[in-house]
Amino acid sequence: MALKSLLFVSLVVAAAIAPMVDAQLGIISSLVNLIYIQGTLYCTPNGNVGVNGSATPVFPNAGVQLKCGENVVSTATTNGAGLFLMVLDPLQFLLSTLLTNCNLEVKTPLASCDAKLPSVGTLLSPLLSIGNTLLGFLNITNIVPAGFQFIPRI
């Protein structure tokens, strides 16, 4: 109970101090905003959850790239549960640009997680903003894959 009270008081103090620091420094708002791009990659022909729902196997150790145009601007590797996370600084990326000019690309061949899947080609997904999360005085913009599609390489 004491730990919960301490946590509550800490959050209240942080919320009260942040606007004062922001007013004095004029830069704190840029330091407490982040963009999270996160998702789960599945070991399916299109990288999305299959008809089996939660029983769909995941794609561990897959390389995921955030590409804007032809430039790779961030990378991540899925963990054992198929999860990936990229954290971006909103001072370097405009949300509107991310959502319209950037895609997630999986370079690791699908055959790496299931030999029956293609060994050439790539998974590609546009991005979708699902809103913001406030964590104390930290504002997180949450972005997820809008849906992967398999693009065969000819």
N, C-alpha and C. Protein backbone atom coordinates (compact mmCIF):
# COMPACT_ATOMS: atom_id res chain seq x y z
N MET A 1 0.83 -1.19 0.00
CA MET A 1 0.00 0.00 0.00
C MET A 1 0.87 1.25 0.00
N ALA A 2 1.95 1.24 0.78
CA ALA A 2 2.84 2.40 0.84
C ALA A 2 3.50 2.63 -0.51
N LEU A 3 3.84 1.55 -1.22
CA LEU A 3 4.46 1.67 -2.53
C LEU A 3 3.49 2.31 -3.52
N LYS A 4 2.22 1.95 -3.48
CA LYS A 4 1.22 2.55 -4.36
C LYS A 4 1.07 4.03 -4.06
N SER A 5 1.07 4.40 -2.78
CA SER A 5 0.96 5.81 -2.41
C SER A 5 2.17 6.59 -2.90
N LEU A 6 3.35 6.02 -2.74
CA LEU A 6 4.57 6.68 -3.20
C LEU A 6 4.55 6.87 -4.71
N LEU A 7 4.11 5.85 -5.44
CA LEU A 7 4.02 5.95 -6.90
C LEU A 7 3.03 7.03 -7.30
N PHE A 8 1.88 7.07 -6.65
CA PHE A 8 0.87 8.09 -6.95
C PHE A 8 1.41 9.49 -6.69
N VAL A 9 2.04 9.69 -5.55
CA VAL A 9 2.59 11.00 -5.22
C VAL A 9 3.67 11.39 -6.24
N SER A 10 4.50 10.45 -6.64
CA SER A 10 5.55 10.72 -7.62
C SER A 10 4.96 11.17 -8.95
N LEU A 11 3.91 10.51 -9.40
CA LEU A 11 3.27 10.88 -10.66
C LEU A 11 2.62 12.25 -10.57
N VAL A 12 1.99 12.55 -9.43
CA VAL A 12 1.36 13.86 -9.24
C VAL A 12 2.42 14.96 -9.24
N VAL A 13 3.53 14.74 -8.56
CA VAL A 13 4.61 15.72 -8.51
C VAL A 13 5.19 15.91 -9.91
N ALA A 14 5.42 14.82 -10.63
CA ALA A 14 5.97 14.91 -11.99
C ALA A 14 5.03 15.68 -12.90
N ALA A 15 3.75 15.42 -12.80
CA ALA A 15 2.77 16.12 -13.63
C ALA A 15 2.71 17.61 -13.28
N ALA A 16 2.93 17.95 -12.02
CA ALA A 16 2.89 19.35 -11.61
C ALA A 16 4.17 20.09 -12.02
N ILE A 17 5.29 19.41 -11.98
CA ILE A 17 6.57 20.04 -12.28
C ILE A 17 6.80 20.20 -13.77
N ALA A 18 6.35 19.25 -14.59
CA ALA A 18 6.62 19.27 -16.03
C ALA A 18 6.23 20.58 -16.70
N PRO A 19 5.01 21.11 -16.46
CA PRO A 19 4.67 22.39 -17.12
C PRO A 19 5.57 23.55 -16.68
N MET A 20 5.99 23.55 -15.42
CA MET A 20 6.86 24.63 -14.95
C MET A 20 8.22 24.54 -15.62
N VAL A 21 8.75 23.31 -15.74
CA VAL A 21 10.04 23.13 -16.38
C VAL A 21 9.91 23.49 -17.86
N ASP A 22 8.81 23.08 -18.48
CA ASP A 22 8.56 23.39 -19.88
C ASP A 22 8.56 24.89 -20.10
N ALA A 23 7.90 25.61 -19.23
CA ALA A 23 7.82 27.07 -19.36
C ALA A 23 9.20 27.70 -19.19
N GLN A 24 10.03 27.15 -18.31
CA GLN A 24 11.34 27.73 -18.05
C GLN A 24 12.35 27.36 -19.13
N LEU A 25 12.32 26.12 -19.58
CA LEU A 25 13.31 25.67 -20.55
C LEU A 25 12.84 25.80 -21.99
N GLY A 26 11.53 25.67 -22.20
CA GLY A 26 11.00 25.77 -23.54
C GLY A 26 11.31 24.60 -24.43
N ILE A 27 11.97 23.55 -23.90
CA ILE A 27 12.32 22.40 -24.73
C ILE A 27 11.83 21.08 -24.14
N ILE A 28 11.35 21.10 -22.94
CA ILE A 28 11.01 19.84 -22.29
C ILE A 28 9.93 19.07 -23.04
N SER A 29 8.99 19.76 -23.69
CA SER A 29 7.93 19.04 -24.38
C SER A 29 8.50 18.15 -25.48
N SER A 30 9.60 18.56 -26.11
CA SER A 30 10.21 17.71 -27.12
C SER A 30 10.97 16.55 -26.49
N LEU A 31 11.33 16.68 -25.24
CA LEU A 31 12.08 15.62 -24.58
C LEU A 31 11.17 14.57 -23.97
N VAL A 32 9.89 14.86 -23.82
CA VAL A 32 9.00 13.91 -23.17
C VAL A 32 7.99 13.31 -24.15
N ASN A 33 8.22 13.46 -25.44
CA ASN A 33 7.39 12.84 -26.46
C ASN A 33 8.21 11.79 -27.18
N LEU A 34 7.60 10.66 -27.45
CA LEU A 34 8.25 9.59 -28.20
C LEU A 34 7.25 8.99 -29.18
N ILE A 35 7.78 8.35 -30.21
CA ILE A 35 6.96 7.60 -31.15
C ILE A 35 7.36 6.13 -31.01
N TYR A 36 6.39 5.28 -30.71
CA TYR A 36 6.62 3.84 -30.65
C TYR A 36 6.00 3.20 -31.89
N ILE A 37 6.79 2.42 -32.61
CA ILE A 37 6.28 1.58 -33.68
C ILE A 37 6.48 0.16 -33.20
N GLN A 38 5.37 -0.54 -33.01
CA GLN A 38 5.47 -1.88 -32.42
C GLN A 38 4.44 -2.81 -33.03
N GLY A 39 4.74 -4.09 -32.94
CA GLY A 39 3.81 -5.08 -33.46
C GLY A 39 4.31 -6.48 -33.22
N THR A 40 3.53 -7.43 -33.71
CA THR A 40 3.88 -8.84 -33.64
C THR A 40 3.92 -9.37 -35.05
N LEU A 41 4.97 -10.09 -35.37
CA LEU A 41 5.13 -10.69 -36.68
C LEU A 41 4.85 -12.19 -36.54
N TYR A 42 3.99 -12.69 -37.41
CA TYR A 42 3.60 -14.10 -37.36
C TYR A 42 4.24 -14.87 -38.50
N CYS A 43 4.43 -16.15 -38.27
CA CYS A 43 5.01 -17.05 -39.26
C CYS A 43 3.89 -17.59 -40.15
N THR A 44 3.39 -16.70 -41.00
CA THR A 44 2.32 -17.02 -41.94
C THR A 44 2.72 -16.46 -43.30
N PRO A 45 2.03 -16.84 -44.37
CA PRO A 45 2.39 -16.33 -45.70
C PRO A 45 2.34 -14.80 -45.82
N ASN A 46 1.56 -14.14 -44.94
CA ASN A 46 1.50 -12.68 -45.02
C ASN A 46 1.98 -11.99 -43.73
N GLY A 47 2.51 -12.74 -42.77
CA GLY A 47 3.05 -12.15 -41.55
C GLY A 47 2.02 -11.71 -40.54
N ASN A 48 0.74 -11.91 -40.84
CA ASN A 48 -0.34 -11.51 -39.95
C ASN A 48 -0.89 -12.72 -39.20
N VAL A 49 -1.67 -12.46 -38.17
CA VAL A 49 -2.28 -13.55 -37.41
C VAL A 49 -3.14 -14.39 -38.35
N GLY A 50 -3.08 -15.69 -38.17
CA GLY A 50 -3.81 -16.60 -39.06
C GLY A 50 -5.19 -16.94 -38.55
N VAL A 51 -5.83 -17.89 -39.23
CA VAL A 51 -7.19 -18.30 -38.88
C VAL A 51 -7.25 -18.97 -37.51
N ASN A 52 -6.12 -19.44 -37.01
CA ASN A 52 -6.08 -20.08 -35.70
C ASN A 52 -5.99 -19.08 -34.55
N GLY A 53 -5.98 -17.79 -34.88
CA GLY A 53 -5.92 -16.76 -33.85
C GLY A 53 -4.67 -16.84 -33.01
N SER A 54 -4.85 -16.96 -31.69
CA SER A 54 -3.71 -16.95 -30.77
C SER A 54 -2.82 -18.18 -30.93
N ALA A 55 -3.30 -19.21 -31.62
CA ALA A 55 -2.48 -20.40 -31.85
C ALA A 55 -1.54 -20.23 -33.05
N THR A 56 -1.61 -19.09 -33.73
CA THR A 56 -0.75 -18.84 -34.88
C THR A 56 0.70 -18.72 -34.42
N PRO A 57 1.63 -19.47 -35.06
CA PRO A 57 3.04 -19.37 -34.63
C PRO A 57 3.61 -18.00 -34.96
N VAL A 58 4.53 -17.54 -34.13
CA VAL A 58 5.16 -16.24 -34.33
C VAL A 58 6.46 -16.41 -35.11
N PHE A 59 7.00 -15.28 -35.54
CA PHE A 59 8.23 -15.25 -36.34
C PHE A 59 9.34 -14.64 -35.48
N PRO A 60 10.11 -15.46 -34.74
CA PRO A 60 11.19 -14.91 -33.90
C PRO A 60 12.43 -14.57 -34.73
N ASN A 61 13.24 -13.66 -34.21
CA ASN A 61 14.54 -13.29 -34.79
C ASN A 61 14.45 -12.77 -36.22
N ALA A 62 13.35 -12.13 -36.56
CA ALA A 62 13.20 -11.57 -37.90
C ALA A 62 13.65 -10.11 -37.88
N GLY A 63 14.35 -9.71 -38.92
CA GLY A 63 14.78 -8.32 -39.05
C GLY A 63 13.67 -7.47 -39.65
N VAL A 64 13.28 -6.43 -38.92
CA VAL A 64 12.24 -5.52 -39.37
C VAL A 64 12.87 -4.14 -39.57
N GLN A 65 12.60 -3.54 -40.74
CA GLN A 65 13.16 -2.23 -41.06
C GLN A 65 12.03 -1.22 -41.23
N LEU A 66 12.27 0.00 -40.80
CA LEU A 66 11.38 1.11 -41.11
C LEU A 66 12.04 1.84 -42.27
N LYS A 67 11.35 1.83 -43.43
CA LYS A 67 11.89 2.48 -44.62
C LYS A 67 11.01 3.66 -45.00
N CYS A 68 11.63 4.80 -45.20
CA CYS A 68 10.95 5.99 -45.69
C CYS A 68 11.56 6.27 -47.05
N GLY A 69 10.77 6.08 -48.09
CA GLY A 69 11.33 6.10 -49.43
C GLY A 69 12.26 4.91 -49.57
N GLU A 70 13.48 5.16 -49.99
CA GLU A 70 14.47 4.09 -50.11
C GLU A 70 15.41 4.02 -48.91
N ASN A 71 15.21 4.90 -47.93
CA ASN A 71 16.12 4.99 -46.78
C ASN A 71 15.62 4.16 -45.60
N VAL A 72 16.50 3.35 -45.04
CA VAL A 72 16.20 2.63 -43.81
C VAL A 72 16.49 3.60 -42.67
N VAL A 73 15.45 3.93 -41.87
CA VAL A 73 15.63 4.91 -40.81
C VAL A 73 15.64 4.29 -39.41
N SER A 74 15.21 3.04 -39.30
CA SER A 74 15.26 2.34 -38.01
C SER A 74 15.15 0.85 -38.26
N THR A 75 15.71 0.07 -37.35
CA THR A 75 15.63 -1.39 -37.47
C THR A 75 15.33 -2.00 -36.10
N ALA A 76 14.78 -3.19 -36.14
CA ALA A 76 14.52 -3.95 -34.92
C ALA A 76 14.56 -5.43 -35.29
N THR A 77 14.70 -6.25 -34.28
CA THR A 77 14.64 -7.71 -34.45
C THR A 77 13.55 -8.24 -33.54
N THR A 78 12.70 -9.09 -34.08
CA THR A 78 11.63 -9.65 -33.26
C THR A 78 12.23 -10.54 -32.17
N ASN A 79 11.57 -10.56 -31.02
CA ASN A 79 12.03 -11.42 -29.92
C ASN A 79 11.41 -12.81 -30.08
N GLY A 80 11.55 -13.65 -29.09
CA GLY A 80 11.04 -15.01 -29.14
C GLY A 80 9.54 -15.09 -29.27
N ALA A 81 8.83 -14.01 -28.91
CA ALA A 81 7.37 -13.97 -29.03
C ALA A 81 6.93 -13.27 -30.31
N GLY A 82 7.88 -12.96 -31.21
CA GLY A 82 7.56 -12.30 -32.47
C GLY A 82 7.32 -10.81 -32.35
N LEU A 83 7.61 -10.23 -31.18
CA LEU A 83 7.36 -8.81 -30.94
C LEU A 83 8.55 -7.96 -31.36
N PHE A 84 8.26 -6.77 -31.91
CA PHE A 84 9.31 -5.81 -32.22
C PHE A 84 8.87 -4.44 -31.74
N LEU A 85 9.86 -3.58 -31.48
CA LEU A 85 9.60 -2.22 -31.03
C LEU A 85 10.69 -1.31 -31.59
N MET A 86 10.25 -0.19 -32.17
CA MET A 86 11.16 0.87 -32.61
C MET A 86 10.73 2.13 -31.87
N VAL A 87 11.69 2.85 -31.32
CA VAL A 87 11.41 4.09 -30.62
C VAL A 87 12.04 5.23 -31.41
N LEU A 88 11.20 6.20 -31.79
CA LEU A 88 11.66 7.31 -32.61
C LEU A 88 11.50 8.63 -31.88
N ASP A 89 12.36 9.58 -32.21
CA ASP A 89 12.30 10.93 -31.68
C ASP A 89 11.41 11.76 -32.60
N PRO A 90 10.32 12.34 -32.08
CA PRO A 90 9.42 13.11 -32.94
C PRO A 90 10.04 14.40 -33.48
N LEU A 91 11.20 14.79 -32.98
CA LEU A 91 11.88 15.95 -33.55
C LEU A 91 12.52 15.61 -34.90
N GLN A 92 12.73 14.31 -35.13
CA GLN A 92 13.36 13.87 -36.38
C GLN A 92 12.35 13.34 -37.39
N PHE A 93 11.12 13.04 -36.93
CA PHE A 93 10.11 12.45 -37.81
C PHE A 93 8.77 13.12 -37.61
N LEU A 94 8.16 13.58 -38.69
CA LEU A 94 6.80 14.09 -38.63
C LEU A 94 5.84 12.91 -38.71
N LEU A 95 4.84 12.90 -37.85
CA LEU A 95 3.88 11.80 -37.85
C LEU A 95 3.23 11.64 -39.21
N SER A 96 2.83 12.73 -39.84
CA SER A 96 2.17 12.64 -41.14
C SER A 96 3.08 12.02 -42.19
N THR A 97 4.37 12.31 -42.13
CA THR A 97 5.33 11.72 -43.06
C THR A 97 5.49 10.23 -42.81
N LEU A 98 5.57 9.84 -41.54
CA LEU A 98 5.68 8.42 -41.21
C LEU A 98 4.50 7.64 -41.76
N LEU A 99 3.31 8.19 -41.59
CA LEU A 99 2.09 7.46 -41.97
C LEU A 99 1.86 7.42 -43.48
N THR A 100 2.43 8.36 -44.22
CA THR A 100 2.18 8.39 -45.66
C THR A 100 3.37 7.97 -46.52
N ASN A 101 4.58 8.12 -46.01
CA ASN A 101 5.76 7.86 -46.83
C ASN A 101 6.65 6.73 -46.33
N CYS A 102 6.25 6.08 -45.25
CA CYS A 102 7.11 5.04 -44.66
C CYS A 102 6.37 3.71 -44.58
N ASN A 103 7.14 2.63 -44.59
CA ASN A 103 6.61 1.27 -44.48
C ASN A 103 7.53 0.44 -43.61
N LEU A 104 6.96 -0.62 -43.04
CA LEU A 104 7.76 -1.64 -42.37
C LEU A 104 8.08 -2.71 -43.40
N GLU A 105 9.32 -3.16 -43.38
CA GLU A 105 9.74 -4.20 -44.31
C GLU A 105 10.49 -5.29 -43.55
N VAL A 106 10.12 -6.53 -43.80
CA VAL A 106 10.77 -7.68 -43.17
C VAL A 106 11.69 -8.29 -44.21
N LYS A 107 12.98 -8.24 -43.94
CA LYS A 107 13.96 -8.75 -44.90
C LYS A 107 14.27 -10.23 -44.68
N THR A 108 14.03 -10.73 -43.47
CA THR A 108 14.32 -12.13 -43.18
C THR A 108 13.36 -13.01 -43.97
N PRO A 109 13.86 -13.97 -44.73
CA PRO A 109 12.97 -14.82 -45.53
C PRO A 109 11.96 -15.58 -44.66
N LEU A 110 10.73 -15.69 -45.16
CA LEU A 110 9.70 -16.43 -44.44
C LEU A 110 10.11 -17.87 -44.18
N ALA A 111 10.91 -18.44 -45.07
CA ALA A 111 11.36 -19.82 -44.91
C ALA A 111 12.19 -20.00 -43.64
N SER A 112 12.67 -18.91 -43.06
CA SER A 112 13.44 -19.00 -41.81
C SER A 112 12.58 -19.48 -40.65
N CYS A 113 11.29 -19.21 -40.70
CA CYS A 113 10.42 -19.66 -39.61
C CYS A 113 9.60 -20.89 -40.00
N ASP A 114 9.44 -21.15 -41.31
CA ASP A 114 8.71 -22.33 -41.78
C ASP A 114 9.21 -22.65 -43.18
N ALA A 115 9.86 -23.80 -43.33
CA ALA A 115 10.47 -24.19 -44.61
C ALA A 115 9.44 -24.29 -45.74
N LYS A 116 8.16 -24.39 -45.42
CA LYS A 116 7.12 -24.48 -46.45
C LYS A 116 6.79 -23.12 -47.06
N LEU A 117 7.24 -22.03 -46.42
CA LEU A 117 6.97 -20.68 -46.90
C LEU A 117 8.06 -20.23 -47.87
N PRO A 118 7.81 -19.19 -48.67
CA PRO A 118 8.79 -18.74 -49.67
C PRO A 118 10.13 -18.33 -49.07
N SER A 119 11.19 -18.59 -49.84
CA SER A 119 12.53 -18.22 -49.38
C SER A 119 12.99 -16.91 -50.01
N VAL A 120 12.25 -16.39 -50.98
CA VAL A 120 12.56 -15.09 -51.57
C VAL A 120 11.31 -14.22 -51.52
N GLY A 121 11.52 -12.93 -51.46
CA GLY A 121 10.41 -11.99 -51.34
C GLY A 121 10.48 -11.31 -49.98
N THR A 122 9.57 -10.40 -49.76
CA THR A 122 9.59 -9.64 -48.51
C THR A 122 8.17 -9.35 -48.03
N LEU A 123 8.05 -9.10 -46.75
CA LEU A 123 6.78 -8.66 -46.17
C LEU A 123 6.84 -7.14 -46.06
N LEU A 124 5.74 -6.48 -46.42
CA LEU A 124 5.69 -5.03 -46.41
C LEU A 124 4.38 -4.59 -45.78
N SER A 125 4.44 -3.57 -44.92
CA SER A 125 3.23 -3.04 -44.29
C SER A 125 3.29 -1.53 -44.19
N PRO A 126 2.18 -0.85 -44.55
CA PRO A 126 2.07 0.57 -44.22
C PRO A 126 1.88 0.72 -42.71
N LEU A 127 1.87 1.95 -42.24
CA LEU A 127 1.76 2.22 -40.81
C LEU A 127 0.39 2.80 -40.47
N LEU A 128 -0.03 2.55 -39.23
CA LEU A 128 -1.32 3.02 -38.74
C LEU A 128 -1.15 3.58 -37.34
N SER A 129 -1.57 4.82 -37.13
CA SER A 129 -1.53 5.43 -35.79
C SER A 129 -2.76 4.98 -35.02
N ILE A 130 -2.54 4.50 -33.79
CA ILE A 130 -3.67 4.05 -32.96
C ILE A 130 -3.86 4.93 -31.73
N GLY A 131 -3.25 6.12 -31.74
CA GLY A 131 -3.47 7.07 -30.65
C GLY A 131 -2.25 7.25 -29.77
N ASN A 132 -2.47 8.00 -28.70
CA ASN A 132 -1.40 8.34 -27.76
C ASN A 132 -1.65 7.71 -26.41
N THR A 133 -0.56 7.48 -25.69
CA THR A 133 -0.61 6.99 -24.33
C THR A 133 0.15 7.98 -23.45
N LEU A 134 -0.45 8.39 -22.35
CA LEU A 134 0.24 9.24 -21.39
C LEU A 134 0.78 8.36 -20.27
N LEU A 135 2.06 8.48 -20.01
CA LEU A 135 2.72 7.73 -18.95
C LEU A 135 3.46 8.75 -18.10
N GLY A 136 2.80 9.21 -17.02
CA GLY A 136 3.35 10.31 -16.25
C GLY A 136 3.36 11.55 -17.12
N PHE A 137 4.53 12.16 -17.32
CA PHE A 137 4.63 13.31 -18.20
C PHE A 137 5.20 12.92 -19.57
N LEU A 138 5.22 11.63 -19.86
CA LEU A 138 5.69 11.13 -21.14
C LEU A 138 4.50 10.87 -22.05
N ASN A 139 4.52 11.45 -23.24
CA ASN A 139 3.47 11.27 -24.23
C ASN A 139 4.01 10.36 -25.34
N ILE A 140 3.39 9.19 -25.51
CA ILE A 140 3.84 8.22 -26.50
C ILE A 140 2.82 8.13 -27.62
N THR A 141 3.26 8.36 -28.85
CA THR A 141 2.42 8.16 -30.02
C THR A 141 2.61 6.71 -30.46
N ASN A 142 1.52 5.96 -30.53
CA ASN A 142 1.57 4.53 -30.84
C ASN A 142 1.23 4.27 -32.30
N ILE A 143 2.15 3.58 -32.98
CA ILE A 143 1.97 3.22 -34.38
C ILE A 143 2.16 1.72 -34.51
N VAL A 144 1.31 1.10 -35.34
CA VAL A 144 1.36 -0.34 -35.56
C VAL A 144 1.36 -0.62 -37.07
N PRO A 145 1.74 -1.84 -37.44
CA PRO A 145 1.61 -2.20 -38.86
C PRO A 145 0.12 -2.23 -39.24
N ALA A 146 -0.20 -1.69 -40.41
CA ALA A 146 -1.59 -1.71 -40.87
C ALA A 146 -1.97 -3.07 -41.44
N GLY A 147 -0.99 -3.90 -41.71
CA GLY A 147 -1.23 -5.24 -42.25
C GLY A 147 -0.15 -5.59 -43.25
N PHE A 148 0.60 -6.63 -42.98
CA PHE A 148 1.67 -7.03 -43.88
C PHE A 148 1.11 -7.73 -45.11
N GLN A 149 1.83 -7.57 -46.21
CA GLN A 149 1.53 -8.28 -47.45
C GLN A 149 2.83 -8.84 -47.96
N PHE A 150 2.76 -10.03 -48.54
CA PHE A 150 3.94 -10.64 -49.12
C PHE A 150 4.16 -10.09 -50.52
N ILE A 151 5.36 -9.60 -50.77
CA ILE A 151 5.75 -9.08 -52.08
C ILE A 151 6.81 -10.03 -52.65
N PRO A 152 6.43 -10.83 -53.65
CA PRO A 152 7.42 -11.77 -54.22
C PRO A 152 8.52 -11.04 -54.97
N ARG A 153 9.69 -11.60 -54.94
CA ARG A 153 10.81 -11.05 -55.69
C ARG A 153 10.92 -11.86 -56.97
N ILE A 154 10.96 -11.16 -58.06
CA ILE A 154 11.01 -11.86 -59.36
C ILE A 154 12.42 -11.92 -59.86
